[in-house]
């Protein structure tokens, strides 16, 4: 009750008044800054340790992917680049 009163006095909007389509989006929008920091740090740590950023297999030298994910990425790139005119 005191918190609501302080928010009104300070002009801070209440988070509970926003309508989200589902609870997962509500969680994401309330925590997205923290989640993005966690993803970035995990990515950097995996690169430093020499682990594939998409799984936990060892990487090919000078590449961030294991052999399986490198092959998949090449397929994705080929498909994306073949549609360009």
PDB file of N, CA and C in Angstrom:
ATOM      1  N   UNK A   1       0.821  -1.176   0.000  1.00  0.00           N
ATOM      2  CA  UNK A   1       0.000   0.000   0.000  1.00  0.00           C
ATOM      3  C   UNK A   1       0.878   1.258   0.000  1.00  0.00           C
ATOM      4  N   UNK A   2       1.900   1.245   0.807  1.00  0.00           N
ATOM      5  CA  UNK A   2       2.803   2.394   0.854  1.00  0.00           C
ATOM      6  C   UNK A   2       3.570   2.511  -0.461  1.00  0.00           C
ATOM      7  N   UNK A   3       3.933   1.353  -1.025  1.00  0.00           N
ATOM      8  CA  UNK A   3       4.644   1.352  -2.301  1.00  0.00           C
ATOM      9  C   UNK A   3       3.829   1.975  -3.413  1.00  0.00           C
ATOM     10  N   UNK A   4       2.545   1.670  -3.456  1.00  0.00           N
ATOM     11  CA  UNK A   4       1.664   2.249  -4.474  1.00  0.00           C
ATOM     12  C   UNK A   4       1.547   3.753  -4.307  1.00  0.00           C
ATOM     13  N   UNK A   5       1.440   4.183  -3.059  1.00  0.00           N
ATOM     14  CA  UNK A   5       1.345   5.613  -2.772  1.00  0.00           C
ATOM     15  C   UNK A   5       2.617   6.342  -3.204  1.00  0.00           C
ATOM     16  N   UNK A   6       3.782   5.748  -2.908  1.00  0.00           N
ATOM     17  CA  UNK A   6       5.050   6.352  -3.317  1.00  0.00           C
ATOM     18  C   UNK A   6       5.181   6.414  -4.839  1.00  0.00           C
ATOM     19  N   UNK A   7       4.727   5.373  -5.521  1.00  0.00           N
ATOM     20  CA  UNK A   7       4.780   5.369  -6.991  1.00  0.00           C
ATOM     21  C   UNK A   7       3.915   6.475  -7.568  1.00  0.00           C
ATOM     22  N   UNK A   8       2.733   6.665  -6.982  1.00  0.00           N
ATOM     23  CA  UNK A   8       1.845   7.729  -7.458  1.00  0.00           C
ATOM     24  C   UNK A   8       2.462   9.101  -7.221  1.00  0.00           C
ATOM     25  N   UNK A   9       3.069   9.285  -6.071  1.00  0.00           N
ATOM     26  CA  UNK A   9       3.688  10.569  -5.756  1.00  0.00           C
ATOM     27  C   UNK A   9       4.891  10.858  -6.655  1.00  0.00           C
ATOM     28  N   UNK A  10       5.671   9.841  -6.938  1.00  0.00           N
ATOM     29  CA  UNK A  10       6.868  10.003  -7.778  1.00  0.00           C
ATOM     30  C   UNK A  10       6.536   9.995  -9.264  1.00  0.00           C
ATOM     31  N   UNK A  11       5.373   9.514  -9.621  1.00  0.00           N
ATOM     32  CA  UNK A  11       4.980   9.455 -11.026  1.00  0.00           C
ATOM     33  C   UNK A  11       5.504   8.238 -11.746  1.00  0.00           C
ATOM     34  N   UNK A  12       5.877   7.194 -11.003  1.00  0.00           N
ATOM     35  CA  UNK A  12       6.378   5.960 -11.603  1.00  0.00           C
ATOM     36  C   UNK A  12       5.182   5.089 -11.972  1.00  0.00           C
ATOM     37  N   UNK A  13       5.109   4.629 -13.234  1.00  0.00           N
ATOM     38  CA  UNK A  13       3.966   3.788 -13.618  1.00  0.00           C
ATOM     39  C   UNK A  13       4.054   2.406 -12.980  1.00  0.00           C
ATOM     40  N   UNK A  14       2.921   1.829 -12.698  1.00  0.00           N
ATOM     41  CA  UNK A  14       2.862   0.491 -12.118  1.00  0.00           C
ATOM     42  C   UNK A  14       2.987  -0.543 -13.226  1.00  0.00           C
ATOM     43  N   UNK A  15       3.761  -1.582 -12.976  1.00  0.00           N
ATOM     44  CA  UNK A  15       3.949  -2.640 -13.961  1.00  0.00           C
ATOM     45  C   UNK A  15       2.706  -3.511 -14.104  1.00  0.00           C
ATOM     46  N   UNK A  16       1.914  -3.601 -13.070  1.00  0.00           N
ATOM     47  CA  UNK A  16       0.741  -4.477 -13.083  1.00  0.00           C
ATOM     48  C   UNK A  16      -0.360  -3.977 -14.011  1.00  0.00           C
ATOM     49  N   UNK A  17      -0.313  -2.709 -14.398  1.00  0.00           N
ATOM     50  CA  UNK A  17      -1.361  -2.167 -15.242  1.00  0.00           C
ATOM     51  C   UNK A  17      -1.174  -2.553 -16.708  1.00  0.00           C
ATOM     52  N   UNK A  18       0.028  -2.996 -17.096  1.00  0.00           N
ATOM     53  CA  UNK A  18       0.264  -3.386 -18.487  1.00  0.00           C
ATOM     54  C   UNK A  18      -0.363  -4.748 -18.741  1.00  0.00           C
ATOM     55  N   UNK A  19      -0.970  -4.881 -19.900  1.00  0.00           N
ATOM     56  CA  UNK A  19      -1.568  -6.151 -20.275  1.00  0.00           C
ATOM     57  C   UNK A  19      -0.651  -6.871 -21.255  1.00  0.00           C
ATOM     58  N   UNK A  20      -0.326  -8.100 -20.936  1.00  0.00           N
ATOM     59  CA  UNK A  20       0.511  -8.931 -21.787  1.00  0.00           C
ATOM     60  C   UNK A  20      -0.329 -10.100 -22.289  1.00  0.00           C
ATOM     61  N   UNK A  21      -0.046 -10.582 -23.502  1.00  0.00           N
ATOM     62  CA  UNK A  21      -0.850 -11.691 -24.037  1.00  0.00           C
ATOM     63  C   UNK A  21      -0.738 -12.976 -23.218  1.00  0.00           C
ATOM     64  N   UNK A  22       0.447 -13.217 -22.617  1.00  0.00           N
ATOM     65  CA  UNK A  22       0.605 -14.409 -21.790  1.00  0.00           C
ATOM     66  C   UNK A  22       1.686 -14.183 -20.745  1.00  0.00           C
ATOM     67  N   UNK A  23       1.824 -15.118 -19.828  1.00  0.00           N
ATOM     68  CA  UNK A  23       2.752 -14.943 -18.719  1.00  0.00           C
ATOM     69  C   UNK A  23       4.208 -15.016 -19.145  1.00  0.00           C
ATOM     70  N   UNK A  24       4.496 -15.686 -20.256  1.00  0.00           N
ATOM     71  CA  UNK A  24       5.869 -15.794 -20.726  1.00  0.00           C
ATOM     72  C   UNK A  24       6.370 -14.444 -21.250  1.00  0.00           C
ATOM     73  N   UNK A  25       5.522 -13.743 -21.999  1.00  0.00           N
ATOM     74  CA  UNK A  25       5.902 -12.417 -22.478  1.00  0.00           C
ATOM     75  C   UNK A  25       5.994 -11.428 -21.315  1.00  0.00           C
ATOM     76  N   UNK A  26       5.143 -11.577 -20.352  1.00  0.00           N
ATOM     77  CA  UNK A  26       5.203 -10.718 -19.170  1.00  0.00           C
ATOM     78  C   UNK A  26       6.543 -10.896 -18.463  1.00  0.00           C
ATOM     79  N   UNK A  27       6.960 -12.148 -18.275  1.00  0.00           N
ATOM     80  CA  UNK A  27       8.256 -12.424 -17.649  1.00  0.00           C
ATOM     81  C   UNK A  27       9.389 -11.856 -18.488  1.00  0.00           C
ATOM     82  N   UNK A  28       9.338 -12.066 -19.814  1.00  0.00           N
ATOM     83  CA  UNK A  28      10.415 -11.592 -20.681  1.00  0.00           C
ATOM     84  C   UNK A  28      10.547 -10.075 -20.622  1.00  0.00           C
ATOM     85  N   UNK A  29       9.453  -9.357 -20.757  1.00  0.00           N
ATOM     86  CA  UNK A  29       9.525  -7.898 -20.782  1.00  0.00           C
ATOM     87  C   UNK A  29       9.937  -7.308 -19.439  1.00  0.00           C
ATOM     88  N   UNK A  30       9.626  -7.990 -18.359  1.00  0.00           N
ATOM     89  CA  UNK A  30      10.048  -7.503 -17.049  1.00  0.00           C
ATOM     90  C   UNK A  30      11.518  -7.805 -16.765  1.00  0.00           C
ATOM     91  N   UNK A  31      12.077  -8.837 -17.422  1.00  0.00           N
ATOM     92  CA  UNK A  31      13.434  -9.288 -17.122  1.00  0.00           C
ATOM     93  C   UNK A  31      14.371  -9.270 -18.321  1.00  0.00           C
ATOM     94  N   UNK A  32      14.003  -8.618 -19.411  1.00  0.00           N
ATOM     95  CA  UNK A  32      14.774  -8.751 -20.644  1.00  0.00           C
ATOM     96  C   UNK A  32      16.199  -8.217 -20.536  1.00  0.00           C
ATOM     97  N   UNK A  33      16.443  -7.192 -19.758  1.00  0.00           N
ATOM     98  CA  UNK A  33      17.810  -6.679 -19.621  1.00  0.00           C
ATOM     99  C   UNK A  33      18.712  -7.712 -18.967  1.00  0.00           C
ATOM    100  N   UNK A  34      18.225  -8.350 -17.922  1.00  0.00           N
ATOM    101  CA  UNK A  34      19.000  -9.383 -17.231  1.00  0.00           C
ATOM    102  C   UNK A  34      19.203 -10.597 -18.133  1.00  0.00           C
ATOM    103  N   UNK A  35      18.168 -10.996 -18.853  1.00  0.00           N
ATOM    104  CA  UNK A  35      18.259 -12.156 -19.727  1.00  0.00           C
ATOM    105  C   UNK A  35      19.270 -11.931 -20.845  1.00  0.00           C
ATOM    106  N   UNK A  36      19.285 -10.750 -21.411  1.00  0.00           N
ATOM    107  CA  UNK A  36      20.229 -10.442 -22.484  1.00  0.00           C
ATOM    108  C   UNK A  36      21.656 -10.468 -21.954  1.00  0.00           C
ATOM    109  N   UNK A  37      21.882  -9.925 -20.754  1.00  0.00           N
ATOM    110  CA  UNK A  37      23.215  -9.965 -20.150  1.00  0.00           C
ATOM    111  C   UNK A  37      23.667 -11.408 -19.936  1.00  0.00           C
ATOM    112  N   UNK A  38      22.758 -12.264 -19.468  1.00  0.00           N
ATOM    113  CA  UNK A  38      23.095 -13.671 -19.252  1.00  0.00           C
ATOM    114  C   UNK A  38      23.457 -14.360 -20.554  1.00  0.00           C
ATOM    115  N   UNK A  39      22.705 -14.100 -21.623  1.00  0.00           N
ATOM    116  CA  UNK A  39      22.990 -14.717 -22.917  1.00  0.00           C
ATOM    117  C   UNK A  39      24.351 -14.284 -23.449  1.00  0.00           C
ATOM    118  N   UNK A  40      24.645 -12.986 -23.328  1.00  0.00           N
ATOM    119  CA  UNK A  40      25.918 -12.471 -23.822  1.00  0.00           C
ATOM    120  C   UNK A  40      27.087 -13.079 -23.050  1.00  0.00           C
ATOM    121  N   UNK A  41      26.952 -13.157 -21.734  1.00  0.00           N
ATOM    122  CA  UNK A  41      28.046 -13.700 -20.930  1.00  0.00           C
ATOM    123  C   UNK A  41      28.245 -15.190 -21.208  1.00  0.00           C
ATOM    124  N   UNK A  42      27.157 -15.938 -21.391  1.00  0.00           N
ATOM    125  CA  UNK A  42      27.265 -17.358 -21.706  1.00  0.00           C
ATOM    126  C   UNK A  42      27.956 -17.555 -23.056  1.00  0.00           C
ATOM    127  N   UNK A  43      27.591 -16.746 -24.032  1.00  0.00           N
ATOM    128  CA  UNK A  43      28.199 -16.810 -25.364  1.00  0.00           C
ATOM    129  C   UNK A  43      29.703 -16.539 -25.273  1.00  0.00           C
ATOM    130  N   UNK A  44      30.075 -15.482 -24.557  1.00  0.00           N
ATOM    131  CA  UNK A  44      31.492 -15.125 -24.426  1.00  0.00           C
ATOM    132  C   UNK A  44      32.278 -16.210 -23.703  1.00  0.00           C
ATOM    133  N   UNK A  45      31.703 -16.761 -22.636  1.00  0.00           N
ATOM    134  CA  UNK A  45      32.377 -17.823 -21.886  1.00  0.00           C
ATOM    135  C   UNK A  45      32.585 -19.067 -22.734  1.00  0.00           C
ATOM    136  N   UNK A  46      31.586 -19.434 -23.517  1.00  0.00           N
ATOM    137  CA  UNK A  46      31.710 -20.605 -24.375  1.00  0.00           C
ATOM    138  C   UNK A  46      32.784 -20.386 -25.444  1.00  0.00           C
ATOM    139  N   UNK A  47      32.848 -19.177 -26.000  1.00  0.00           N
ATOM    140  CA  UNK A  47      33.885 -18.871 -26.996  1.00  0.00           C
ATOM    141  C   UNK A  47      35.277 -18.986 -26.398  1.00  0.00           C
ATOM    142  N   UNK A  48      35.458 -18.455 -25.189  1.00  0.00           N
ATOM    143  CA  UNK A  48      36.765 -18.498 -24.537  1.00  0.00           C
ATOM    144  C   UNK A  48      37.201 -19.928 -24.231  1.00  0.00           C
ATOM    145  N   UNK A  49      36.246 -20.759 -23.806  1.00  0.00           N
ATOM    146  CA  UNK A  49      36.565 -22.138 -23.426  1.00  0.00           C
ATOM    147  C   UNK A  49      36.706 -23.072 -24.625  1.00  0.00           C
ATOM    148  N   UNK A  50      36.301 -22.617 -25.822  1.00  0.00           N
ATOM    149  CA  UNK A  50      36.388 -23.468 -27.004  1.00  0.00           C
ATOM    150  C   UNK A  50      35.263 -24.466 -27.099  1.00  0.00           C
ATOM    151  N   UNK A  51      34.078 -24.054 -26.643  1.00  0.00           N
ATOM    152  CA  UNK A  51      32.889 -24.911 -26.694  1.00  0.00           C
ATOM    153  C   UNK A  51      31.937 -24.307 -27.716  1.00  0.00           C
ATOM    154  N   UNK A  52      31.252 -25.163 -28.469  1.00  0.00           N
ATOM    155  CA  UNK A  52      30.270 -24.704 -29.452  1.00  0.00           C
ATOM    156  C   UNK A  52      29.214 -23.849 -28.758  1.00  0.00           C
ATOM    157  N   UNK A  53      28.842 -22.723 -29.375  1.00  0.00           N
ATOM    158  CA  UNK A  53      27.879 -21.813 -28.747  1.00  0.00           C
ATOM    159  C   UNK A  53      26.447 -22.330 -28.827  1.00  0.00           C
ATOM    160  N   UNK A  54      26.214 -23.359 -29.631  1.00  0.00           N
ATOM    161  CA  UNK A  54      24.864 -23.921 -29.744  1.00  0.00           C
ATOM    162  C   UNK A  54      24.691 -25.234 -28.995  1.00  0.00           C
ATOM    163  N   UNK A  55      25.777 -25.878 -28.634  1.00  0.00           N
ATOM    164  CA  UNK A  55      25.713 -27.123 -27.863  1.00  0.00           C
ATOM    165  C   UNK A  55      26.943 -27.160 -26.958  1.00  0.00           C
ATOM    166  N   UNK A  56      27.328 -28.304 -26.479  1.00  0.00           N
ATOM    167  CA  UNK A  56      28.471 -28.376 -25.566  1.00  0.00           C
ATOM    168  C   UNK A  56      29.618 -29.200 -26.148  1.00  0.00           C
ATOM    169  N   UNK A  57      29.681 -29.318 -27.475  1.00  0.00           N
ATOM    170  CA  UNK A  57      30.750 -30.058 -28.138  1.00  0.00           C
ATOM    171  C   UNK A  57      31.961 -29.150 -28.346  1.00  0.00           C
ATOM    172  N   UNK A  58      33.155 -29.728 -28.471  1.00  0.00           N
ATOM    173  CA  UNK A  58      34.338 -28.904 -28.767  1.00  0.00           C
ATOM    174  C   UNK A  58      34.244 -28.308 -30.171  1.00  0.00           C
ATOM    175  N   UNK A  59      34.835 -27.134 -30.344  1.00  0.00           N
ATOM    176  CA  UNK A  59      34.721 -26.411 -31.608  1.00  0.00           C
ATOM    177  C   UNK A  59      35.835 -26.772 -32.574  1.00  0.00           C
ATOM    178  N   UNK A  60      35.616 -26.426 -33.840  1.00  0.00           N
ATOM    179  CA  UNK A  60      36.647 -26.502 -34.864  1.00  0.00           C
ATOM    180  C   UNK A  60      37.528 -25.274 -34.656  1.00  0.00           C
ATOM    181  N   UNK A  61      38.801 -25.378 -34.959  1.00  0.00           N
ATOM    182  CA  UNK A  61      39.718 -24.267 -34.692  1.00  0.00           C
ATOM    183  C   UNK A  61      39.285 -22.995 -35.416  1.00  0.00           C
ATOM    184  N   UNK A  62      39.336 -21.871 -34.706  1.00  0.00           N
ATOM    185  CA  UNK A  62      39.011 -20.535 -35.209  1.00  0.00           C
ATOM    186  C   UNK A  62      37.551 -20.359 -35.627  1.00  0.00           C
ATOM    187  N   UNK A  63      36.667 -21.253 -35.204  1.00  0.00           N
ATOM    188  CA  UNK A  63      35.242 -21.151 -35.531  1.00  0.00           C
ATOM    189  C   UNK A  63      34.466 -21.348 -34.233  1.00  0.00           C
ATOM    190  N   UNK A  64      33.310 -20.725 -34.092  1.00  0.00           N
ATOM    191  CA  UNK A  64      32.535 -20.813 -32.852  1.00  0.00           C
ATOM    192  C   UNK A  64      31.593 -22.010 -32.812  1.00  0.00           C
ATOM    193  N   UNK A  65      31.577 -22.827 -33.883  1.00  0.00           N
ATOM    194  CA  UNK A  65      30.667 -23.970 -33.961  1.00  0.00           C
ATOM    195  C   UNK A  65      31.424 -25.291 -33.981  1.00  0.00           C
ATOM    196  N   UNK A  66      30.737 -26.355 -33.551  1.00  0.00           N
ATOM    197  CA  UNK A  66      31.255 -27.707 -33.721  1.00  0.00           C
ATOM    198  C   UNK A  66      31.040 -28.107 -35.186  1.00  0.00           C
ATOM    199  N   UNK A  67      31.517 -29.276 -35.566  1.00  0.00           N
ATOM    200  CA  UNK A  67      31.412 -29.687 -36.978  1.00  0.00           C
ATOM    201  C   UNK A  67      29.957 -29.796 -37.429  1.00  0.00           C
ATOM    202  N   UNK A  68      29.071 -30.315 -36.561  1.00  0.00           N
ATOM    203  CA  UNK A  68      27.663 -30.457 -36.907  1.00  0.00           C
ATOM    204  C   UNK A  68      27.014 -29.097 -37.134  1.00  0.00           C
ATOM    205  N   UNK A  69      27.191 -28.161 -36.198  1.00  0.00           N
ATOM    206  CA  UNK A  69      26.549 -26.860 -36.329  1.00  0.00           C
ATOM    207  C   UNK A  69      27.196 -26.007 -37.413  1.00  0.00           C
ATOM    208  N   UNK A  70      28.459 -26.242 -37.707  1.00  0.00           N
ATOM    209  CA  UNK A  70      29.096 -25.535 -38.827  1.00  0.00           C
ATOM    210  C   UNK A  70      28.448 -25.971 -40.139  1.00  0.00           C
ATOM    211  N   UNK A  71      28.211 -27.269 -40.264  1.00  0.00           N
ATOM    212  CA  UNK A  71      27.564 -27.793 -41.469  1.00  0.00           C
ATOM    213  C   UNK A  71      26.134 -27.240 -41.594  1.00  0.00           C
ATOM    214  N   UNK A  72      25.402 -27.202 -40.493  1.00  0.00           N
ATOM    215  CA  UNK A  72      24.048 -26.656 -40.516  1.00  0.00           C
ATOM    216  C   UNK A  72      24.074 -25.165 -40.887  1.00  0.00           C
ATOM    217  N   UNK A  73      25.038 -24.401 -40.339  1.00  0.00           N
ATOM    218  CA  UNK A  73      25.135 -22.977 -40.619  1.00  0.00           C
ATOM    219  C   UNK A  73      25.461 -22.731 -42.081  1.00  0.00           C
ATOM    220  N   UNK A  74      26.312 -23.564 -42.659  1.00  0.00           N
ATOM    221  CA  UNK A  74      26.610 -23.421 -44.081  1.00  0.00           C
ATOM    222  C   UNK A  74      25.366 -23.651 -44.925  1.00  0.00           C
ATOM    223  N   UNK A  75      24.535 -24.617 -44.525  1.00  0.00           N
ATOM    224  CA  UNK A  75      23.272 -24.849 -45.220  1.00  0.00           C
ATOM    225  C   UNK A  75      22.329 -23.663 -45.107  1.00  0.00           C
ATOM    226  N   UNK A  76      22.243 -23.070 -43.901  1.00  0.00           N
ATOM    227  CA  UNK A  76      21.394 -21.899 -43.705  1.00  0.00           C
ATOM    228  C   UNK A  76      21.880 -20.739 -44.574  1.00  0.00           C
ATOM    229  N   UNK A  77      23.194 -20.524 -44.597  1.00  0.00           N
ATOM    230  CA  UNK A  77      23.754 -19.427 -45.382  1.00  0.00           C
ATOM    231  C   UNK A  77      23.516 -19.636 -46.872  1.00  0.00           C
ATOM    232  N   UNK A  78      23.704 -20.873 -47.339  1.00  0.00           N
ATOM    233  CA  UNK A  78      23.489 -21.172 -48.751  1.00  0.00           C
ATOM    234  C   UNK A  78      22.039 -20.911 -49.148  1.00  0.00           C
ATOM    235  N   UNK A  79      21.117 -21.356 -48.301  1.00  0.00           N
ATOM    236  CA  UNK A  79      19.699 -21.159 -48.579  1.00  0.00           C
ATOM    237  C   UNK A  79      19.342 -19.671 -48.595  1.00  0.00           C
ATOM    238  N   UNK A  80      19.854 -18.914 -47.622  1.00  0.00           N
ATOM    239  CA  UNK A  80      19.546 -17.470 -47.545  1.00  0.00           C
ATOM    240  C   UNK A  80      20.141 -16.686 -48.706  1.00  0.00           C
ATOM    241  N   UNK A  81      21.334 -17.065 -49.135  1.00  0.00           N
ATOM    242  CA  UNK A  81      22.017 -16.312 -50.183  1.00  0.00           C
ATOM    243  C   UNK A  81      21.560 -16.721 -51.583  1.00  0.00           C
ATOM    244  N   UNK A  82      20.968 -17.885 -51.727  1.00  0.00           N
ATOM    245  CA  UNK A  82      20.533 -18.338 -53.039  1.00  0.00           C
ATOM    246  C   UNK A  82      19.271 -17.622 -53.510  1.00  0.00           C
ATOM    247  N   UNK A  83      18.487 -17.024 -52.611  1.00  0.00           N
ATOM    248  CA  UNK A  83      17.245 -16.338 -52.973  1.00  0.00           C
ATOM    249  C   UNK A  83      17.485 -14.905 -53.448  1.00  0.00           C
ATOM    250  N   UNK A  84      18.680 -14.387 -53.197  1.00  0.00           N
ATOM    251  CA  UNK A  84      18.962 -13.021 -53.619  1.00  0.00           C
ATOM    252  C   UNK A  84      19.150 -12.954 -55.120  1.00  0.00           C
ATOM    253  N   UNK A  85      18.680 -11.873 -55.734  1.00  0.00           N
ATOM    254  CA  UNK A  85      18.812 -11.729 -57.181  1.00  0.00           C
ATOM    255  C   UNK A  85      19.975 -10.835 -57.519  1.00  0.00           C
TER     256      UNK A  85
END
